[in-house]
Amino acid sequence: MTSHPGGARRTVLSITGMTCGGCVNTVTRVLQRVPGVERADVELEGARAVVEGTAPAAELVAAAEGAGFGAAVVEANG
């Protein structure tokens, strides 16, 4: 794993169950509410989310799942 300045890391999640822009907005919002998240970019076409910050990957997955979506860690650097 690669260190990033300030302890921030990049986590890529596979997100299932998104069907529209509203879903993207929901996933983005719940990920951004996780303590330690600095940025969350969610893509409908790629069915993934790229999150930067210090939040543990398990908390990111739990947030997405809590909103009704499937989530799995694809890559975690930090």
PDB file of N, CA and C in Angstrom:
ATOM      1  N   MET A   1       0.834  -1.177   0.000  1.00  0.00           N
ATOM      2  CA  MET A   1       0.000   0.000   0.000  1.00  0.00           C
ATOM      3  C   MET A   1       0.878   1.240   0.000  1.00  0.00           C
ATOM      4  N   THR A   2       0.367   2.274  -0.637  1.00  0.00           N
ATOM      5  CA  THR A   2       1.113   3.500  -0.788  1.00  0.00           C
ATOM      6  C   THR A   2       0.609   4.552   0.184  1.00  0.00           C
ATOM      7  N   SER A   3       1.517   5.254   0.835  1.00  0.00           N
ATOM      8  CA  SER A   3       1.139   6.335   1.750  1.00  0.00           C
ATOM      9  C   SER A   3       0.852   7.597   0.968  1.00  0.00           C
ATOM     10  N   HIS A   4      -0.098   8.352   1.466  1.00  0.00           N
ATOM     11  CA  HIS A   4      -0.435   9.638   0.883  1.00  0.00           C
ATOM     12  C   HIS A   4      -0.184  10.700   1.938  1.00  0.00           C
ATOM     13  N   PRO A   5       0.082  11.934   1.512  1.00  0.00           N
ATOM     14  CA  PRO A   5       0.340  13.003   2.479  1.00  0.00           C
ATOM     15  C   PRO A   5      -0.789  13.132   3.492  1.00  0.00           C
ATOM     16  N   GLY A   6      -0.442  13.360   4.725  1.00  0.00           N
ATOM     17  CA  GLY A   6      -1.426  13.575   5.768  1.00  0.00           C
ATOM     18  C   GLY A   6      -2.154  12.324   6.204  1.00  0.00           C
ATOM     19  N   GLY A   7      -1.700  11.154   5.775  1.00  0.00           N
ATOM     20  CA  GLY A   7      -2.338   9.917   6.174  1.00  0.00           C
ATOM     21  C   GLY A   7      -3.552   9.558   5.338  1.00  0.00           C
ATOM     22  N   ALA A   8      -3.884  10.383   4.343  1.00  0.00           N
ATOM     23  CA  ALA A   8      -5.041  10.098   3.494  1.00  0.00           C
ATOM     24  C   ALA A   8      -4.742   8.890   2.613  1.00  0.00           C
ATOM     25  N   ARG A   9      -5.787   8.187   2.245  1.00  0.00           N
ATOM     26  CA  ARG A   9      -5.632   7.042   1.353  1.00  0.00           C
ATOM     27  C   ARG A   9      -6.755   7.045   0.324  1.00  0.00           C
ATOM     28  N   ARG A  10      -6.575   6.216  -0.675  1.00  0.00           N
ATOM     29  CA  ARG A  10      -7.552   6.089  -1.759  1.00  0.00           C
ATOM     30  C   ARG A  10      -8.153   4.692  -1.684  1.00  0.00           C
ATOM     31  N   THR A  11      -9.474   4.641  -1.637  1.00  0.00           N
ATOM     32  CA  THR A  11     -10.174   3.370  -1.594  1.00  0.00           C
ATOM     33  C   THR A  11     -11.144   3.323  -2.760  1.00  0.00           C
ATOM     34  N   VAL A  12     -11.099   2.226  -3.526  1.00  0.00           N
ATOM     35  CA  VAL A  12     -12.026   2.039  -4.643  1.00  0.00           C
ATOM     36  C   VAL A  12     -13.014   0.951  -4.246  1.00  0.00           C
ATOM     37  N   LEU A  13     -14.293   1.280  -4.364  1.00  0.00           N
ATOM     38  CA  LEU A  13     -15.350   0.332  -4.041  1.00  0.00           C
ATOM     39  C   LEU A  13     -16.130  -0.020  -5.301  1.00  0.00           C
ATOM     40  N   SER A  14     -16.515  -1.271  -5.412  1.00  0.00           N
ATOM     41  CA  SER A  14     -17.479  -1.690  -6.417  1.00  0.00           C
ATOM     42  C   SER A  14     -18.848  -1.488  -5.780  1.00  0.00           C
ATOM     43  N   ILE A  15     -19.751  -0.796  -6.480  1.00  0.00           N
ATOM     44  CA  ILE A  15     -21.080  -0.505  -5.949  1.00  0.00           C
ATOM     45  C   ILE A  15     -22.121  -1.160  -6.853  1.00  0.00           C
ATOM     46  N   THR A  16     -22.985  -1.976  -6.282  1.00  0.00           N
ATOM     47  CA  THR A  16     -24.045  -2.604  -7.060  1.00  0.00           C
ATOM     48  C   THR A  16     -25.397  -2.052  -6.644  1.00  0.00           C
ATOM     49  N   GLY A  17     -26.341  -2.084  -7.585  1.00  0.00           N
ATOM     50  CA  GLY A  17     -27.694  -1.646  -7.291  1.00  0.00           C
ATOM     51  C   GLY A  17     -27.997  -0.225  -7.719  1.00  0.00           C
ATOM     52  N   MET A  18     -27.020   0.497  -8.264  1.00  0.00           N
ATOM     53  CA  MET A  18     -27.265   1.859  -8.734  1.00  0.00           C
ATOM     54  C   MET A  18     -27.881   1.791 -10.134  1.00  0.00           C
ATOM     55  N   THR A  19     -28.973   2.529 -10.333  1.00  0.00           N
ATOM     56  CA  THR A  19     -29.644   2.510 -11.633  1.00  0.00           C
ATOM     57  C   THR A  19     -29.814   3.893 -12.249  1.00  0.00           C
ATOM     58  N   CYS A  20     -29.532   4.962 -11.492  1.00  0.00           N
ATOM     59  CA  CYS A  20     -29.778   6.306 -12.015  1.00  0.00           C
ATOM     60  C   CYS A  20     -28.915   7.329 -11.278  1.00  0.00           C
ATOM     61  N   GLY A  21     -29.040   8.565 -11.715  1.00  0.00           N
ATOM     62  CA  GLY A  21     -28.295   9.648 -11.086  1.00  0.00           C
ATOM     63  C   GLY A  21     -28.683   9.863  -9.632  1.00  0.00           C
ATOM     64  N   GLY A  22     -29.926   9.576  -9.300  1.00  0.00           N
ATOM     65  CA  GLY A  22     -30.354   9.701  -7.906  1.00  0.00           C
ATOM     66  C   GLY A  22     -29.613   8.726  -7.013  1.00  0.00           C
ATOM     67  N   CYS A  23     -29.377   7.525  -7.524  1.00  0.00           N
ATOM     68  CA  CYS A  23     -28.611   6.532  -6.774  1.00  0.00           C
ATOM     69  C   CYS A  23     -27.182   7.019  -6.554  1.00  0.00           C
ATOM     70  N   VAL A  24     -26.595   7.590  -7.597  1.00  0.00           N
ATOM     71  CA  VAL A  24     -25.233   8.131  -7.498  1.00  0.00           C
ATOM     72  C   VAL A  24     -25.187   9.203  -6.417  1.00  0.00           C
ATOM     73  N   ASN A  25     -26.179  10.091  -6.417  1.00  0.00           N
ATOM     74  CA  ASN A  25     -26.221  11.150  -5.410  1.00  0.00           C
ATOM     75  C   ASN A  25     -26.355  10.577  -4.003  1.00  0.00           C
ATOM     76  N   THR A  26     -27.182   9.557  -3.857  1.00  0.00           N
ATOM     77  CA  THR A  26     -27.371   8.933  -2.540  1.00  0.00           C
ATOM     78  C   THR A  26     -26.084   8.302  -2.046  1.00  0.00           C
ATOM     79  N   VAL A  27     -25.419   7.531  -2.900  1.00  0.00           N
ATOM     80  CA  VAL A  27     -24.177   6.873  -2.501  1.00  0.00           C
ATOM     81  C   VAL A  27     -23.115   7.917  -2.177  1.00  0.00           C
ATOM     82  N   THR A  28     -23.016   8.942  -3.006  1.00  0.00           N
ATOM     83  CA  THR A  28     -22.048  10.018  -2.750  1.00  0.00           C
ATOM     84  C   THR A  28     -22.305  10.640  -1.383  1.00  0.00           C
ATOM     85  N   ARG A  29     -23.556  10.954  -1.115  1.00  0.00           N
ATOM     86  CA  ARG A  29     -23.915  11.606   0.152  1.00  0.00           C
ATOM     87  C   ARG A  29     -23.581  10.729   1.361  1.00  0.00           C
ATOM     88  N   VAL A  30     -23.937   9.434   1.308  1.00  0.00           N
ATOM     89  CA  VAL A  30     -23.669   8.585   2.484  1.00  0.00           C
ATOM     90  C   VAL A  30     -22.174   8.364   2.680  1.00  0.00           C
ATOM     91  N   LEU A  31     -21.425   8.287   1.589  1.00  0.00           N
ATOM     92  CA  LEU A  31     -19.975   8.114   1.733  1.00  0.00           C
ATOM     93  C   LEU A  31     -19.347   9.378   2.305  1.00  0.00           C
ATOM     94  N   GLN A  32     -19.801  10.541   1.872  1.00  0.00           N
ATOM     95  CA  GLN A  32     -19.228  11.793   2.360  1.00  0.00           C
ATOM     96  C   GLN A  32     -19.540  12.030   3.835  1.00  0.00           C
ATOM     97  N   ARG A  33     -20.561  11.379   4.345  1.00  0.00           N
ATOM     98  CA  ARG A  33     -20.908  11.524   5.764  1.00  0.00           C
ATOM     99  C   ARG A  33     -20.044  10.655   6.682  1.00  0.00           C
ATOM    100  N   VAL A  34     -19.306   9.728   6.129  1.00  0.00           N
ATOM    101  CA  VAL A  34     -18.439   8.877   6.949  1.00  0.00           C
ATOM    102  C   VAL A  34     -17.274   9.728   7.454  1.00  0.00           C
ATOM    103  N   PRO A  35     -17.050   9.735   8.770  1.00  0.00           N
ATOM    104  CA  PRO A  35     -15.928  10.518   9.307  1.00  0.00           C
ATOM    105  C   PRO A  35     -14.601  10.116   8.659  1.00  0.00           C
ATOM    106  N   GLY A  36     -13.847  11.115   8.239  1.00  0.00           N
ATOM    107  CA  GLY A  36     -12.546  10.872   7.623  1.00  0.00           C
ATOM    108  C   GLY A  36     -12.564  10.939   6.105  1.00  0.00           C
ATOM    109  N   VAL A  37     -13.755  10.979   5.497  1.00  0.00           N
ATOM    110  CA  VAL A  37     -13.832  11.070   4.039  1.00  0.00           C
ATOM    111  C   VAL A  37     -13.583  12.515   3.619  1.00  0.00           C
ATOM    112  N   GLU A  38     -12.613  12.690   2.729  1.00  0.00           N
ATOM    113  CA  GLU A  38     -12.299  14.009   2.198  1.00  0.00           C
ATOM    114  C   GLU A  38     -12.988  14.233   0.860  1.00  0.00           C
ATOM    115  N   ARG A  39     -13.142  13.149   0.097  1.00  0.00           N
ATOM    116  CA  ARG A  39     -13.740  13.249  -1.236  1.00  0.00           C
ATOM    117  C   ARG A  39     -14.307  11.898  -1.630  1.00  0.00           C
ATOM    118  N   ALA A  40     -15.478  11.909  -2.272  1.00  0.00           N
ATOM    119  CA  ALA A  40     -16.073  10.685  -2.787  1.00  0.00           C
ATOM    120  C   ALA A  40     -16.585  10.951  -4.193  1.00  0.00           C
ATOM    121  N   ASP A  41     -16.072  10.202  -5.169  1.00  0.00           N
ATOM    122  CA  ASP A  41     -16.512  10.301  -6.561  1.00  0.00           C
ATOM    123  C   ASP A  41     -17.177   8.982  -6.924  1.00  0.00           C
ATOM    124  N   VAL A  42     -18.440   9.047  -7.286  1.00  0.00           N
ATOM    125  CA  VAL A  42     -19.213   7.843  -7.594  1.00  0.00           C
ATOM    126  C   VAL A  42     -19.574   7.861  -9.071  1.00  0.00           C
ATOM    127  N   GLU A  43     -19.371   6.719  -9.743  1.00  0.00           N
ATOM    128  CA  GLU A  43     -19.633   6.600 -11.179  1.00  0.00           C
ATOM    129  C   GLU A  43     -20.717   5.566 -11.421  1.00  0.00           C
ATOM    130  N   LEU A  44     -21.781   5.972 -12.115  1.00  0.00           N
ATOM    131  CA  LEU A  44     -22.860   5.046 -12.450  1.00  0.00           C
ATOM    132  C   LEU A  44     -22.398   4.012 -13.470  1.00  0.00           C
ATOM    133  N   GLU A  45     -21.773   4.468 -14.563  1.00  0.00           N
ATOM    134  CA  GLU A  45     -21.356   3.561 -15.631  1.00  0.00           C
ATOM    135  C   GLU A  45     -20.325   2.543 -15.171  1.00  0.00           C
ATOM    136  N   GLY A  46     -19.391   2.978 -14.354  1.00  0.00           N
ATOM    137  CA  GLY A  46     -18.356   2.076 -13.873  1.00  0.00           C
ATOM    138  C   GLY A  46     -18.772   1.305 -12.637  1.00  0.00           C
ATOM    139  N   ALA A  47     -19.936   1.661 -12.083  1.00  0.00           N
ATOM    140  CA  ALA A  47     -20.460   1.025 -10.865  1.00  0.00           C
ATOM    141  C   ALA A  47     -19.400   0.990  -9.771  1.00  0.00           C
ATOM    142  N   ARG A  48     -18.778   2.150  -9.559  1.00  0.00           N
ATOM    143  CA  ARG A  48     -17.733   2.201  -8.543  1.00  0.00           C
ATOM    144  C   ARG A  48     -17.692   3.561  -7.865  1.00  0.00           C
ATOM    145  N   ALA A  49     -17.020   3.576  -6.733  1.00  0.00           N
ATOM    146  CA  ALA A  49     -16.792   4.811  -5.990  1.00  0.00           C
ATOM    147  C   ALA A  49     -15.315   4.896  -5.652  1.00  0.00           C
ATOM    148  N   VAL A  50     -14.747   6.060  -5.827  1.00  0.00           N
ATOM    149  CA  VAL A  50     -13.362   6.318  -5.450  1.00  0.00           C
ATOM    150  C   VAL A  50     -13.415   7.305  -4.287  1.00  0.00           C
ATOM    151  N   VAL A  51     -12.899   6.866  -3.153  1.00  0.00           N
ATOM    152  CA  VAL A  51     -12.983   7.666  -1.932  1.00  0.00           C
ATOM    153  C   VAL A  51     -11.583   7.999  -1.453  1.00  0.00           C
ATOM    154  N   GLU A  52     -11.369   9.269  -1.106  1.00  0.00           N
ATOM    155  CA  GLU A  52     -10.098   9.710  -0.549  1.00  0.00           C
ATOM    156  C   GLU A  52     -10.319  10.172   0.875  1.00  0.00           C
ATOM    157  N   GLY A  53      -9.387   9.836   1.740  1.00  0.00           N
ATOM    158  CA  GLY A  53      -9.468  10.244   3.136  1.00  0.00           C
ATOM    159  C   GLY A  53      -8.919   9.169   4.044  1.00  0.00           C
ATOM    160  N   THR A  54      -9.251   9.280   5.310  1.00  0.00           N
ATOM    161  CA  THR A  54      -8.707   8.352   6.303  1.00  0.00           C
ATOM    162  C   THR A  54      -9.744   7.369   6.826  1.00  0.00           C
ATOM    163  N   ALA A  55     -10.941   7.393   6.271  1.00  0.00           N
ATOM    164  CA  ALA A  55     -12.001   6.487   6.742  1.00  0.00           C
ATOM    165  C   ALA A  55     -11.646   5.035   6.430  1.00  0.00           C
ATOM    166  N   PRO A  56     -11.878   4.128   7.375  1.00  0.00           N
ATOM    167  CA  PRO A  56     -11.628   2.709   7.128  1.00  0.00           C
ATOM    168  C   PRO A  56     -12.553   2.163   6.030  1.00  0.00           C
ATOM    169  N   ALA A  57     -12.018   1.300   5.189  1.00  0.00           N
ATOM    170  CA  ALA A  57     -12.792   0.737   4.085  1.00  0.00           C
ATOM    171  C   ALA A  57     -14.059   0.039   4.580  1.00  0.00           C
ATOM    172  N   ALA A  58     -13.988  -0.630   5.708  1.00  0.00           N
ATOM    173  CA  ALA A  58     -15.163  -1.333   6.235  1.00  0.00           C
ATOM    174  C   ALA A  58     -16.302  -0.355   6.544  1.00  0.00           C
ATOM    175  N   GLU A  59     -15.969   0.848   6.993  1.00  0.00           N
ATOM    176  CA  GLU A  59     -17.003   1.847   7.282  1.00  0.00           C
ATOM    177  C   GLU A  59     -17.622   2.389   5.996  1.00  0.00           C
ATOM    178  N   LEU A  60     -16.833   2.473   4.936  1.00  0.00           N
ATOM    179  CA  LEU A  60     -17.357   2.914   3.644  1.00  0.00           C
ATOM    180  C   LEU A  60     -18.332   1.881   3.092  1.00  0.00           C
ATOM    181  N   VAL A  61     -17.949   0.618   3.174  1.00  0.00           N
ATOM    182  CA  VAL A  61     -18.828  -0.466   2.722  1.00  0.00           C
ATOM    183  C   VAL A  61     -20.121  -0.462   3.525  1.00  0.00           C
ATOM    184  N   ALA A  62     -20.009  -0.332   4.830  1.00  0.00           N
ATOM    185  CA  ALA A  62     -21.189  -0.323   5.697  1.00  0.00           C
ATOM    186  C   ALA A  62     -22.119   0.838   5.359  1.00  0.00           C
ATOM    187  N   ALA A  63     -21.562   2.000   5.038  1.00  0.00           N
ATOM    188  CA  ALA A  63     -22.381   3.160   4.697  1.00  0.00           C
ATOM    189  C   ALA A  63     -23.173   2.913   3.418  1.00  0.00           C
ATOM    190  N   ALA A  64     -22.507   2.385   2.398  1.00  0.00           N
ATOM    191  CA  ALA A  64     -23.197   2.103   1.138  1.00  0.00           C
ATOM    192  C   ALA A  64     -24.264   1.026   1.336  1.00  0.00           C
ATOM    193  N   GLU A  65     -23.919  -0.019   2.086  1.00  0.00           N
ATOM    194  CA  GLU A  65     -24.881  -1.092   2.332  1.00  0.00           C
ATOM    195  C   GLU A  65     -26.060  -0.593   3.162  1.00  0.00           C
ATOM    196  N   GLY A  66     -25.799   0.316   4.082  1.00  0.00           N
ATOM    197  CA  GLY A  66     -26.860   0.882   4.895  1.00  0.00           C
ATOM    198  C   GLY A  66     -27.856   1.698   4.083  1.00  0.00           C
ATOM    199  N   ALA A  67     -27.419   2.182   2.934  1.00  0.00           N
ATOM    200  CA  ALA A  67     -28.293   2.942   2.045  1.00  0.00           C
ATOM    201  C   ALA A  67     -28.981   2.037   1.027  1.00  0.00           C
ATOM    202  N   GLY A  68     -28.752   0.720   1.139  1.00  0.00           N
ATOM    203  CA  GLY A  68     -29.439  -0.224   0.268  1.00  0.00           C
ATOM    204  C   GLY A  68     -28.678  -0.671  -0.961  1.00  0.00           C
ATOM    205  N   PHE A  69     -27.390  -0.390  -1.017  1.00  0.00           N
ATOM    206  CA  PHE A  69     -26.577  -0.774  -2.167  1.00  0.00           C
ATOM    207  C   PHE A  69     -25.574  -1.843  -1.763  1.00  0.00           C
ATOM    208  N   GLY A  70     -25.132  -2.630  -2.735  1.00  0.00           N
ATOM    209  CA  GLY A  70     -24.061  -3.581  -2.467  1.00  0.00           C
ATOM    210  C   GLY A  70     -22.730  -2.865  -2.610  1.00  0.00           C
ATOM    211  N   ALA A  71     -21.751  -3.264  -1.811  1.00  0.00           N
ATOM    212  CA  ALA A  71     -20.433  -2.620  -1.891  1.00  0.00           C
ATOM    213  C   ALA A  71     -19.352  -3.617  -1.528  1.00  0.00           C
ATOM    214  N   ALA A  72     -18.224  -3.511  -2.219  1.00  0.00           N
ATOM    215  CA  ALA A  72     -17.067  -4.344  -1.935  1.00  0.00           C
ATOM    216  C   ALA A  72     -15.814  -3.550  -2.257  1.00  0.00           C
ATOM    217  N   VAL A  73     -14.773  -3.769  -1.478  1.00  0.00           N
ATOM    218  CA  VAL A  73     -13.496  -3.089  -1.700  1.00  0.00           C
ATOM    219  C   VAL A  73     -12.805  -3.729  -2.900  1.00  0.00           C
ATOM    220  N   VAL A  74     -12.433  -2.902  -3.858  1.00  0.00           N
ATOM    221  CA  VAL A  74     -11.699  -3.347  -5.035  1.00  0.00           C
ATOM    222  C   VAL A  74     -10.220  -3.061  -4.842  1.00  0.00           C
ATOM    223  N   GLU A  75      -9.927  -1.900  -4.237  1.00  0.00           N
ATOM    224  CA  GLU A  75      -8.538  -1.461  -4.057  1.00  0.00           C
ATOM    225  C   GLU A  75      -8.485  -0.530  -2.851  1.00  0.00           C
ATOM    226  N   ALA A  76      -7.467  -0.699  -2.039  1.00  0.00           N
ATOM    227  CA  ALA A  76      -7.275   0.196  -0.893  1.00  0.00           C
ATOM    228  C   ALA A  76      -5.799   0.530  -0.787  1.00  0.00           C
ATOM    229  N   ASN A  77      -5.477   1.815  -0.912  1.00  0.00           N
ATOM    230  CA  ASN A  77      -4.097   2.290  -0.785  1.00  0.00           C
ATOM    231  C   ASN A  77      -4.034   3.296   0.343  1.00  0.00           C
ATOM    232  N   GLY A  78      -3.025   3.170   1.150  1.00  0.00           N
ATOM    233  CA  GLY A  78      -2.883   4.169   2.208  1.00  0.00           C
ATOM    234  C   GLY A  78      -2.241   3.626   3.427  1.00  0.00           C
TER     235      GLY A  78
END
